[in-house]
Amino acid sequence: MKHIKNTPVMVLKSMNDPLIGDNGIDEEILLANPNIMIAKTKYGGHLGYYEAFMDTKQFSNKVIVAFLNSFLVK
């Protein structure tokens, strides 16, 4: 992660991700880099960030767009 310089990166992860799990990413290494932000949720994971149970809308899209929009020059 030390190679990420001058580029903001958001890591969206879930504590119950069935493939990566809560300990699959070393958060200390990520947080040591000022260009990396962690967005951590209790539920969701691996492309399953739905707004509600049995819903087809995913809230991850809103989070990603908000992150990217924060870099627009106003």
N, C-alpha and C. Protein backbone atom coordinates (compact mmCIF):
# COMPACT_ATOMS: atom_id res chain seq x y z
N MET A 1 0.81 -1.20 0.00
CA MET A 1 0.00 0.00 0.00
C MET A 1 0.85 1.27 0.00
N LYS A 2 2.12 1.12 0.27
CA LYS A 2 3.00 2.29 0.27
C LYS A 2 3.18 2.87 -1.12
N HIS A 3 2.81 2.10 -2.15
CA HIS A 3 2.95 2.57 -3.52
C HIS A 3 1.81 3.49 -3.93
N ILE A 4 0.77 3.58 -3.11
CA ILE A 4 -0.35 4.48 -3.42
C ILE A 4 0.03 5.87 -2.93
N LYS A 5 0.31 6.75 -3.88
CA LYS A 5 0.73 8.11 -3.57
C LYS A 5 -0.06 9.07 -4.45
N ASN A 6 -0.51 10.16 -3.85
CA ASN A 6 -1.19 11.24 -4.58
C ASN A 6 -2.50 10.80 -5.23
N THR A 7 -3.00 9.63 -4.89
CA THR A 7 -4.27 9.17 -5.43
C THR A 7 -5.16 8.70 -4.29
N PRO A 8 -6.25 9.39 -4.03
CA PRO A 8 -7.15 8.95 -2.96
C PRO A 8 -7.81 7.62 -3.32
N VAL A 9 -7.86 6.73 -2.35
CA VAL A 9 -8.44 5.41 -2.55
C VAL A 9 -9.42 5.14 -1.41
N MET A 10 -10.60 4.65 -1.75
CA MET A 10 -11.56 4.23 -0.74
C MET A 10 -11.70 2.71 -0.81
N VAL A 11 -11.54 2.06 0.34
CA VAL A 11 -11.73 0.62 0.44
C VAL A 11 -13.07 0.39 1.12
N LEU A 12 -14.00 -0.20 0.41
CA LEU A 12 -15.32 -0.52 0.98
C LEU A 12 -15.31 -1.98 1.35
N LYS A 13 -15.46 -2.26 2.65
CA LYS A 13 -15.41 -3.64 3.10
C LYS A 13 -16.50 -3.91 4.13
N SER A 14 -16.88 -5.16 4.21
CA SER A 14 -17.91 -5.59 5.13
C SER A 14 -17.33 -6.58 6.12
N MET A 15 -17.78 -6.51 7.36
CA MET A 15 -17.30 -7.43 8.39
C MET A 15 -17.76 -8.86 8.12
N ASN A 16 -18.87 -9.02 7.39
CA ASN A 16 -19.37 -10.38 7.13
C ASN A 16 -19.18 -10.81 5.67
N ASP A 17 -18.20 -10.24 5.00
CA ASP A 17 -17.92 -10.62 3.62
C ASP A 17 -17.60 -12.11 3.55
N PRO A 18 -18.34 -12.87 2.75
CA PRO A 18 -18.14 -14.31 2.72
C PRO A 18 -16.81 -14.75 2.09
N LEU A 19 -16.18 -13.90 1.30
CA LEU A 19 -14.91 -14.27 0.67
C LEU A 19 -13.69 -13.71 1.39
N ILE A 20 -13.79 -12.48 1.84
CA ILE A 20 -12.64 -11.82 2.46
C ILE A 20 -12.74 -11.85 3.99
N GLY A 21 -13.94 -11.68 4.52
CA GLY A 21 -14.12 -11.65 5.97
C GLY A 21 -13.61 -10.36 6.57
N ASP A 22 -13.75 -10.25 7.88
CA ASP A 22 -13.35 -9.02 8.56
C ASP A 22 -11.84 -8.89 8.68
N ASN A 23 -11.13 -9.99 8.71
CA ASN A 23 -9.68 -9.95 8.90
C ASN A 23 -8.90 -10.16 7.61
N GLY A 24 -9.58 -10.14 6.48
CA GLY A 24 -8.91 -10.40 5.21
C GLY A 24 -8.06 -9.26 4.70
N ILE A 25 -8.25 -8.08 5.25
CA ILE A 25 -7.48 -6.90 4.84
C ILE A 25 -6.86 -6.31 6.10
N ASP A 26 -5.56 -6.07 6.07
CA ASP A 26 -4.87 -5.50 7.22
C ASP A 26 -5.14 -3.99 7.27
N GLU A 27 -6.06 -3.61 8.15
CA GLU A 27 -6.48 -2.21 8.22
C GLU A 27 -5.37 -1.30 8.71
N GLU A 28 -4.48 -1.79 9.56
CA GLU A 28 -3.38 -0.96 10.05
C GLU A 28 -2.47 -0.50 8.92
N ILE A 29 -2.22 -1.38 7.98
CA ILE A 29 -1.39 -1.02 6.82
C ILE A 29 -2.10 0.03 5.97
N LEU A 30 -3.41 -0.17 5.77
CA LEU A 30 -4.17 0.80 4.97
C LEU A 30 -4.20 2.16 5.65
N LEU A 31 -4.48 2.17 6.94
CA LEU A 31 -4.62 3.44 7.65
C LEU A 31 -3.29 4.18 7.82
N ALA A 32 -2.18 3.48 7.64
CA ALA A 32 -0.88 4.15 7.70
C ALA A 32 -0.65 5.04 6.49
N ASN A 33 -1.42 4.85 5.45
CA ASN A 33 -1.30 5.65 4.23
C ASN A 33 -2.38 6.73 4.26
N PRO A 34 -2.00 8.02 4.26
CA PRO A 34 -2.99 9.10 4.33
C PRO A 34 -3.88 9.22 3.09
N ASN A 35 -3.55 8.50 2.02
CA ASN A 35 -4.35 8.54 0.80
C ASN A 35 -5.44 7.47 0.77
N ILE A 36 -5.52 6.64 1.81
CA ILE A 36 -6.48 5.54 1.83
C ILE A 36 -7.51 5.76 2.92
N MET A 37 -8.77 5.59 2.56
CA MET A 37 -9.88 5.68 3.50
C MET A 37 -10.59 4.33 3.52
N ILE A 38 -10.97 3.86 4.70
CA ILE A 38 -11.71 2.62 4.82
C ILE A 38 -13.16 2.94 5.16
N ALA A 39 -14.07 2.40 4.37
CA ALA A 39 -15.51 2.48 4.66
C ALA A 39 -15.93 1.06 5.03
N LYS A 40 -16.22 0.85 6.31
CA LYS A 40 -16.47 -0.49 6.82
C LYS A 40 -17.92 -0.62 7.28
N THR A 41 -18.57 -1.69 6.84
CA THR A 41 -19.96 -1.93 7.22
C THR A 41 -20.06 -3.25 7.98
N LYS A 42 -21.13 -3.39 8.75
CA LYS A 42 -21.36 -4.62 9.49
C LYS A 42 -21.86 -5.73 8.57
N TYR A 43 -22.75 -5.37 7.66
CA TYR A 43 -23.33 -6.34 6.73
C TYR A 43 -23.07 -5.91 5.29
N GLY A 44 -23.18 -6.86 4.41
CA GLY A 44 -22.99 -6.59 2.99
C GLY A 44 -21.92 -7.51 2.46
N GLY A 45 -21.00 -6.95 1.81
CA GLY A 45 -19.84 -7.71 1.39
C GLY A 45 -19.94 -8.35 0.04
N HIS A 46 -18.85 -8.36 -0.59
CA HIS A 46 -18.61 -8.93 -1.90
C HIS A 46 -19.77 -8.68 -2.88
N LEU A 47 -19.92 -7.44 -3.21
CA LEU A 47 -20.93 -6.98 -4.18
C LEU A 47 -22.34 -7.16 -3.66
N GLY A 48 -22.52 -7.26 -2.35
CA GLY A 48 -23.85 -7.46 -1.80
C GLY A 48 -24.25 -6.37 -0.83
N TYR A 49 -24.02 -5.13 -1.17
CA TYR A 49 -24.34 -4.01 -0.30
C TYR A 49 -25.75 -3.49 -0.60
N TYR A 50 -26.73 -4.27 -0.24
CA TYR A 50 -28.12 -3.91 -0.54
C TYR A 50 -28.70 -3.02 0.54
N GLU A 51 -29.65 -2.16 0.14
CA GLU A 51 -30.24 -1.21 1.07
C GLU A 51 -31.12 -1.89 2.12
N ALA A 52 -31.72 -3.00 1.78
CA ALA A 52 -32.58 -3.73 2.72
C ALA A 52 -32.62 -5.20 2.30
N PHE A 53 -33.06 -6.04 3.20
CA PHE A 53 -33.19 -7.46 2.91
C PHE A 53 -34.17 -7.66 1.76
N MET A 54 -33.78 -8.47 0.79
CA MET A 54 -34.60 -8.77 -0.39
C MET A 54 -34.86 -7.53 -1.25
N ASP A 55 -33.95 -6.59 -1.25
CA ASP A 55 -34.06 -5.38 -2.06
C ASP A 55 -33.10 -5.51 -3.24
N THR A 56 -33.38 -4.82 -4.32
CA THR A 56 -32.48 -4.87 -5.48
C THR A 56 -31.58 -3.63 -5.57
N LYS A 57 -31.84 -2.61 -4.76
CA LYS A 57 -31.03 -1.40 -4.78
C LYS A 57 -29.82 -1.57 -3.87
N GLN A 58 -28.66 -1.19 -4.38
CA GLN A 58 -27.44 -1.29 -3.59
C GLN A 58 -26.99 0.09 -3.12
N PHE A 59 -26.70 0.21 -1.82
CA PHE A 59 -26.25 1.50 -1.30
C PHE A 59 -24.79 1.78 -1.62
N SER A 60 -24.03 0.78 -2.01
CA SER A 60 -22.62 1.00 -2.31
C SER A 60 -22.44 1.97 -3.48
N ASN A 61 -23.36 1.95 -4.41
CA ASN A 61 -23.28 2.88 -5.55
C ASN A 61 -23.31 4.32 -5.07
N LYS A 62 -24.18 4.61 -4.09
CA LYS A 62 -24.29 5.97 -3.56
C LYS A 62 -23.01 6.39 -2.85
N VAL A 63 -22.42 5.48 -2.09
CA VAL A 63 -21.19 5.77 -1.36
C VAL A 63 -20.04 6.04 -2.34
N ILE A 64 -19.94 5.23 -3.35
CA ILE A 64 -18.86 5.38 -4.34
C ILE A 64 -19.01 6.69 -5.11
N VAL A 65 -20.21 7.01 -5.53
CA VAL A 65 -20.45 8.26 -6.26
C VAL A 65 -20.16 9.47 -5.37
N ALA A 66 -20.56 9.41 -4.10
CA ALA A 66 -20.29 10.52 -3.18
C ALA A 66 -18.78 10.70 -2.99
N PHE A 67 -18.05 9.61 -2.88
CA PHE A 67 -16.59 9.68 -2.74
C PHE A 67 -15.98 10.33 -3.98
N LEU A 68 -16.38 9.88 -5.15
CA LEU A 68 -15.83 10.46 -6.38
C LEU A 68 -16.23 11.92 -6.56
N ASN A 69 -17.46 12.25 -6.23
CA ASN A 69 -17.93 13.64 -6.36
C ASN A 69 -17.18 14.59 -5.43
N SER A 70 -16.64 14.07 -4.35
CA SER A 70 -15.92 14.95 -3.41
C SER A 70 -14.65 15.52 -4.04
N PHE A 71 -14.22 14.98 -5.17
CA PHE A 71 -13.02 15.47 -5.82
C PHE A 71 -13.30 16.42 -6.97
N LEU A 72 -14.56 16.67 -7.24
CA LEU A 72 -14.90 17.60 -8.31
C LEU A 72 -14.52 19.01 -7.90
N VAL A 73 -13.98 19.75 -8.83
CA VAL A 73 -13.62 21.14 -8.59
C VAL A 73 -14.90 21.96 -8.66
N LYS A 74 -15.12 22.75 -7.63
CA LYS A 74 -16.35 23.56 -7.59
C LYS A 74 -16.04 25.02 -7.81
